[in-house]
Amino acid sequence: MPARSFLHKAALPLLTLLTLSSAQGAQWRFGVQASTLLPDNFGLAATVGGHLSVQGAVSRSLDLRGLLEGNVGLNRAPEVRLDLTLLKNSGSLYYGGGIGSGLLADFGDPGSGIPLIVYSPLLLANVHGVLGYDFGGPRLEGMARLGPNPGVGLRASFPLR
């Protein structure tokens, strides 16, 4: 049953990305990222992964981006995250903020009697900020997340079309 629940929860981010992609002029991107997290034991943990995003205009200078990412790390369960970010464009520079959450693919019991995957959306809930630069196709951006699992990271992305 937990595996089925995981699949249902993983489908929601995909549906959100598909909804955003129906907007006229939506831009699809893929890329890689690396993050440093501050886990419960206050030791640093690093993750690396890939992402898929879709971004569409909300107004002349504002875009809405949905980003689905998957990450792996040492001594950490793989995770899937979904971030929704409102971006302000200022020439090649862009910045913005948003909210996000995700799922840790950890079916273990940390002692509460409930598998970690069940309450991982609360552990991965965050508000985040991004600052990036568009090099005319490739983009490089820094990201900071605040929440139960805060972290900072760096992303590189490339257009799909």
C-alpha atoms as a PDB file:
ATOM      1  CA  MET A   1       0.000   0.000   0.000  1.00  0.00           C
ATOM      2  CA  PRO A   2       2.777   2.581   0.720  1.00  0.00           C
ATOM      3  CA  ALA A   3       4.214   2.091  -2.784  1.00  0.00           C
ATOM      4  CA  ARG A   4       0.798   2.803  -4.320  1.00  0.00           C
ATOM      5  CA  SER A   5       0.431   5.926  -2.169  1.00  0.00           C
ATOM      6  CA  PHE A   6       3.891   7.067  -3.296  1.00  0.00           C
ATOM      7  CA  LEU A   7       2.886   6.697  -6.963  1.00  0.00           C
ATOM      8  CA  HIS A   8      -0.309   8.691  -6.430  1.00  0.00           C
ATOM      9  CA  LYS A   9       1.586  11.499  -4.703  1.00  0.00           C
ATOM     10  CA  ALA A  10       4.270  11.503  -7.399  1.00  0.00           C
ATOM     11  CA  ALA A  11       1.581  11.953 -10.100  1.00  0.00           C
ATOM     12  CA  LEU A  12       0.414  15.316  -8.694  1.00  0.00           C
ATOM     13  CA  PRO A  13       3.638  17.203  -9.592  1.00  0.00           C
ATOM     14  CA  LEU A  14       3.488  15.790 -13.104  1.00  0.00           C
ATOM     15  CA  LEU A  15      -0.089  16.997 -13.527  1.00  0.00           C
ATOM     16  CA  THR A  16       0.902  20.460 -12.276  1.00  0.00           C
ATOM     17  CA  LEU A  17       3.725  20.660 -14.829  1.00  0.00           C
ATOM     18  CA  LEU A  18       1.386  19.550 -17.620  1.00  0.00           C
ATOM     19  CA  THR A  19      -1.153  22.230 -16.640  1.00  0.00           C
ATOM     20  CA  LEU A  20       1.540  24.934 -16.719  1.00  0.00           C
ATOM     21  CA  SER A  21       2.818  23.658 -20.062  1.00  0.00           C
ATOM     22  CA  SER A  22      -0.529  24.283 -21.739  1.00  0.00           C
ATOM     23  CA  ALA A  23       0.041  28.049 -21.428  1.00  0.00           C
ATOM     24  CA  GLN A  24       0.898  29.742 -24.695  1.00  0.00           C
ATOM     25  CA  GLY A  25       4.645  30.254 -25.069  1.00  0.00           C
ATOM     26  CA  ALA A  26       5.572  27.925 -22.201  1.00  0.00           C
ATOM     27  CA  GLN A  27       9.257  27.036 -22.113  1.00  0.00           C
ATOM     28  CA  TRP A  28      10.448  23.563 -21.099  1.00  0.00           C
ATOM     29  CA  ARG A  29      13.930  23.169 -19.586  1.00  0.00           C
ATOM     30  CA  PHE A  30      16.021  20.354 -18.146  1.00  0.00           C
ATOM     31  CA  GLY A  31      19.119  20.488 -16.026  1.00  0.00           C
ATOM     32  CA  VAL A  32      21.260  19.383 -13.119  1.00  0.00           C
ATOM     33  CA  GLN A  33      21.679  20.707  -9.597  1.00  0.00           C
ATOM     34  CA  ALA A  34      23.695  20.252  -6.442  1.00  0.00           C
ATOM     35  CA  SER A  35      22.521  21.231  -2.951  1.00  0.00           C
ATOM     36  CA  THR A  36      23.796  21.327   0.586  1.00  0.00           C
ATOM     37  CA  LEU A  37      21.238  20.525   3.263  1.00  0.00           C
ATOM     38  CA  LEU A  38      21.217  20.876   7.035  1.00  0.00           C
ATOM     39  CA  PRO A  39      19.631  17.605   8.258  1.00  0.00           C
ATOM     40  CA  ASP A  40      18.200  16.829  11.697  1.00  0.00           C
ATOM     41  CA  ASN A  41      21.567  15.885  13.220  1.00  0.00           C
ATOM     42  CA  PHE A  42      22.975  19.319  12.245  1.00  0.00           C
ATOM     43  CA  GLY A  43      25.609  17.810  10.007  1.00  0.00           C
ATOM     44  CA  LEU A  44      25.882  18.892   6.388  1.00  0.00           C
ATOM     45  CA  ALA A  45      24.545  16.610   3.654  1.00  0.00           C
ATOM     46  CA  ALA A  46      25.011  17.050  -0.085  1.00  0.00           C
ATOM     47  CA  THR A  47      22.615  15.974  -2.818  1.00  0.00           C
ATOM     48  CA  VAL A  48      22.851  15.953  -6.599  1.00  0.00           C
ATOM     49  CA  GLY A  49      20.107  15.450  -9.123  1.00  0.00           C
ATOM     50  CA  GLY A  50      18.289  16.467 -12.234  1.00  0.00           C
ATOM     51  CA  HIS A  51      15.233  18.558 -12.940  1.00  0.00           C
ATOM     52  CA  LEU A  52      12.551  19.293 -15.493  1.00  0.00           C
ATOM     53  CA  SER A  53      10.762  22.631 -15.506  1.00  0.00           C
ATOM     54  CA  VAL A  54       8.120  24.496 -17.426  1.00  0.00           C
ATOM     55  CA  GLN A  55       7.813  28.276 -17.316  1.00  0.00           C
ATOM     56  CA  GLY A  56       5.169  30.580 -18.716  1.00  0.00           C
ATOM     57  CA  ALA A  57       4.423  34.305 -18.653  1.00  0.00           C
ATOM     58  CA  VAL A  58       1.972  35.649 -16.099  1.00  0.00           C
ATOM     59  CA  SER A  59       2.537  39.262 -17.208  1.00  0.00           C
ATOM     60  CA  ARG A  60       5.156  41.168 -19.218  1.00  0.00           C
ATOM     61  CA  SER A  61       7.868  40.828 -16.600  1.00  0.00           C
ATOM     62  CA  LEU A  62       6.592  37.960 -14.407  1.00  0.00           C
ATOM     63  CA  ASP A  63       6.814  34.234 -15.117  1.00  0.00           C
ATOM     64  CA  LEU A  64       5.464  31.262 -13.202  1.00  0.00           C
ATOM     65  CA  ARG A  65       7.708  28.207 -13.136  1.00  0.00           C
ATOM     66  CA  GLY A  66       6.927  24.669 -12.054  1.00  0.00           C
ATOM     67  CA  LEU A  67      10.036  22.621 -11.372  1.00  0.00           C
ATOM     68  CA  LEU A  68      10.091  18.865 -10.718  1.00  0.00           C
ATOM     69  CA  GLU A  69      13.412  17.575  -9.412  1.00  0.00           C
ATOM     70  CA  GLY A  70      14.857  14.295  -8.269  1.00  0.00           C
ATOM     71  CA  ASN A  71      17.850  14.139  -5.920  1.00  0.00           C
ATOM     72  CA  VAL A  72      20.101  11.509  -4.391  1.00  0.00           C
ATOM     73  CA  GLY A  73      22.675  11.866  -1.660  1.00  0.00           C
ATOM     74  CA  LEU A  74      24.939   9.874   0.621  1.00  0.00           C
ATOM     75  CA  ASN A  75      23.182   8.551   3.745  1.00  0.00           C
ATOM     76  CA  ARG A  76      19.904  10.079   2.554  1.00  0.00           C
ATOM     77  CA  ALA A  77      16.864   8.595   0.834  1.00  0.00           C
ATOM     78  CA  PRO A  78      16.202   9.715  -2.742  1.00  0.00           C
ATOM     79  CA  GLU A  79      13.723  12.577  -2.958  1.00  0.00           C
ATOM     80  CA  VAL A  80      11.332  14.076  -5.472  1.00  0.00           C
ATOM     81  CA  ARG A  81      10.487  17.775  -5.098  1.00  0.00           C
ATOM     82  CA  LEU A  82       8.062  20.164  -6.735  1.00  0.00           C
ATOM     83  CA  ASP A  83       8.679  23.918  -6.582  1.00  0.00           C
ATOM     84  CA  LEU A  84       6.367  26.658  -7.851  1.00  0.00           C
ATOM     85  CA  THR A  85       8.216  29.940  -8.284  1.00  0.00           C
ATOM     86  CA  LEU A  86       7.184  33.410  -9.417  1.00  0.00           C
ATOM     87  CA  LEU A  87      10.090  34.943 -11.357  1.00  0.00           C
ATOM     88  CA  LYS A  88      10.799  38.595 -12.184  1.00  0.00           C
ATOM     89  CA  ASN A  89      12.858  39.149 -15.332  1.00  0.00           C
ATOM     90  CA  SER A  90      15.249  42.065 -15.544  1.00  0.00           C
ATOM     91  CA  GLY A  91      17.141  41.608 -18.804  1.00  0.00           C
ATOM     92  CA  SER A  92      19.320  38.515 -18.509  1.00  0.00           C
ATOM     93  CA  LEU A  93      19.087  38.590 -14.718  1.00  0.00           C
ATOM     94  CA  TYR A  94      16.068  37.049 -12.986  1.00  0.00           C
ATOM     95  CA  TYR A  95      15.024  36.523  -9.395  1.00  0.00           C
ATOM     96  CA  GLY A  96      12.003  35.299  -7.515  1.00  0.00           C
ATOM     97  CA  GLY A  97      10.446  33.348  -4.719  1.00  0.00           C
ATOM     98  CA  GLY A  98       8.040  30.522  -4.221  1.00  0.00           C
ATOM     99  CA  ILE A  99       6.907  27.492  -2.297  1.00  0.00           C
ATOM    100  CA  GLY A 100       7.629  23.807  -2.591  1.00  0.00           C
ATOM    101  CA  SER A 101       7.503  20.374  -1.044  1.00  0.00           C
ATOM    102  CA  GLY A 102       8.266  16.804  -1.962  1.00  0.00           C
ATOM    103  CA  LEU A 103       8.549  13.160  -1.022  1.00  0.00           C
ATOM    104  CA  LEU A 104      11.429  11.222   0.501  1.00  0.00           C
ATOM    105  CA  ALA A 105      11.452   7.671  -0.880  1.00  0.00           C
ATOM    106  CA  ASP A 106      12.029   6.259   2.596  1.00  0.00           C
ATOM    107  CA  PHE A 107       9.659   3.542   3.775  1.00  0.00           C
ATOM    108  CA  GLY A 108      11.547   3.075   7.044  1.00  0.00           C
ATOM    109  CA  ASP A 109      10.081   3.763  10.475  1.00  0.00           C
ATOM    110  CA  PRO A 110      12.023   6.454  12.388  1.00  0.00           C
ATOM    111  CA  GLY A 111      10.449   5.297  15.677  1.00  0.00           C
ATOM    112  CA  SER A 112       7.043   6.958  15.415  1.00  0.00           C
ATOM    113  CA  GLY A 113       5.280   3.922  13.928  1.00  0.00           C
ATOM    114  CA  ILE A 114       4.653   5.851  10.691  1.00  0.00           C
ATOM    115  CA  PRO A 115       6.897   5.435   7.621  1.00  0.00           C
ATOM    116  CA  LEU A 116       8.910   8.570   6.834  1.00  0.00           C
ATOM    117  CA  ILE A 117       7.429   8.848   3.339  1.00  0.00           C
ATOM    118  CA  VAL A 118       3.992   9.580   4.853  1.00  0.00           C
ATOM    119  CA  TYR A 119       5.029  12.810   6.551  1.00  0.00           C
ATOM    120  CA  SER A 120       7.941  13.716   4.270  1.00  0.00           C
ATOM    121  CA  PRO A 121       5.846  16.411   2.487  1.00  0.00           C
ATOM    122  CA  LEU A 122       5.887  18.306   5.809  1.00  0.00           C
ATOM    123  CA  LEU A 123       9.641  17.785   6.231  1.00  0.00           C
ATOM    124  CA  LEU A 124      10.345  19.030   2.694  1.00  0.00           C
ATOM    125  CA  ALA A 125       7.866  21.954   2.751  1.00  0.00           C
ATOM    126  CA  ASN A 126       9.710  25.202   2.056  1.00  0.00           C
ATOM    127  CA  VAL A 127       9.694  28.767   0.911  1.00  0.00           C
ATOM    128  CA  HIS A 128      12.552  29.530  -1.426  1.00  0.00           C
ATOM    129  CA  GLY A 129      14.290  32.273  -3.323  1.00  0.00           C
ATOM    130  CA  VAL A 130      16.256  32.106  -6.568  1.00  0.00           C
ATOM    131  CA  LEU A 131      18.679  34.431  -8.331  1.00  0.00           C
ATOM    132  CA  GLY A 132      19.847  33.515 -11.810  1.00  0.00           C
ATOM    133  CA  TYR A 133      21.376  34.593 -15.077  1.00  0.00           C
ATOM    134  CA  ASP A 134      20.208  33.636 -18.569  1.00  0.00           C
ATOM    135  CA  PHE A 135      23.120  33.201 -20.990  1.00  0.00           C
ATOM    136  CA  GLY A 136      20.811  33.232 -24.030  1.00  0.00           C
ATOM    137  CA  GLY A 137      19.766  29.612 -23.619  1.00  0.00           C
ATOM    138  CA  PRO A 138      21.688  28.005 -20.779  1.00  0.00           C
ATOM    139  CA  ARG A 139      20.850  29.357 -17.320  1.00  0.00           C
ATOM    140  CA  LEU A 140      22.723  29.289 -14.034  1.00  0.00           C
ATOM    141  CA  GLU A 141      20.933  30.023 -10.778  1.00  0.00           C
ATOM    142  CA  GLY A 142      21.481  29.973  -7.051  1.00  0.00           C
ATOM    143  CA  MET A 143      18.715  28.859  -4.739  1.00  0.00           C
ATOM    144  CA  ALA A 144      18.055  29.035  -0.988  1.00  0.00           C
ATOM    145  CA  ARG A 145      15.309  27.110   0.824  1.00  0.00           C
ATOM    146  CA  LEU A 146      13.870  27.840   4.274  1.00  0.00           C
ATOM    147  CA  GLY A 147      11.842  25.189   6.078  1.00  0.00           C
ATOM    148  CA  PRO A 148      12.335  22.080   8.230  1.00  0.00           C
ATOM    149  CA  ASN A 149      15.179  21.019   5.858  1.00  0.00           C
ATOM    150  CA  PRO A 150      16.846  24.302   4.829  1.00  0.00           C
ATOM    151  CA  GLY A 151      19.510  24.352   2.163  1.00  0.00           C
ATOM    152  CA  VAL A 152      21.308  26.199  -0.593  1.00  0.00           C
ATOM    153  CA  GLY A 153      22.037  25.014  -4.092  1.00  0.00           C
ATOM    154  CA  LEU A 154      23.157  25.716  -7.611  1.00  0.00           C
ATOM    155  CA  ARG A 155      21.258  24.781 -10.797  1.00  0.00           C
ATOM    156  CA  ALA A 156      22.207  24.733 -14.460  1.00  0.00           C
ATOM    157  CA  SER A 157      19.410  24.348 -17.014  1.00  0.00           C
ATOM    158  CA  PHE A 158      19.045  24.119 -20.781  1.00  0.00           C
ATOM    159  CA  PRO A 159      16.034  24.696 -23.053  1.00  0.00           C
ATOM    160  CA  LEU A 160      14.256  21.688 -24.552  1.00  0.00           C
ATOM    161  CA  ARG A 161      12.671  23.689 -27.373  1.00  0.00           C
END
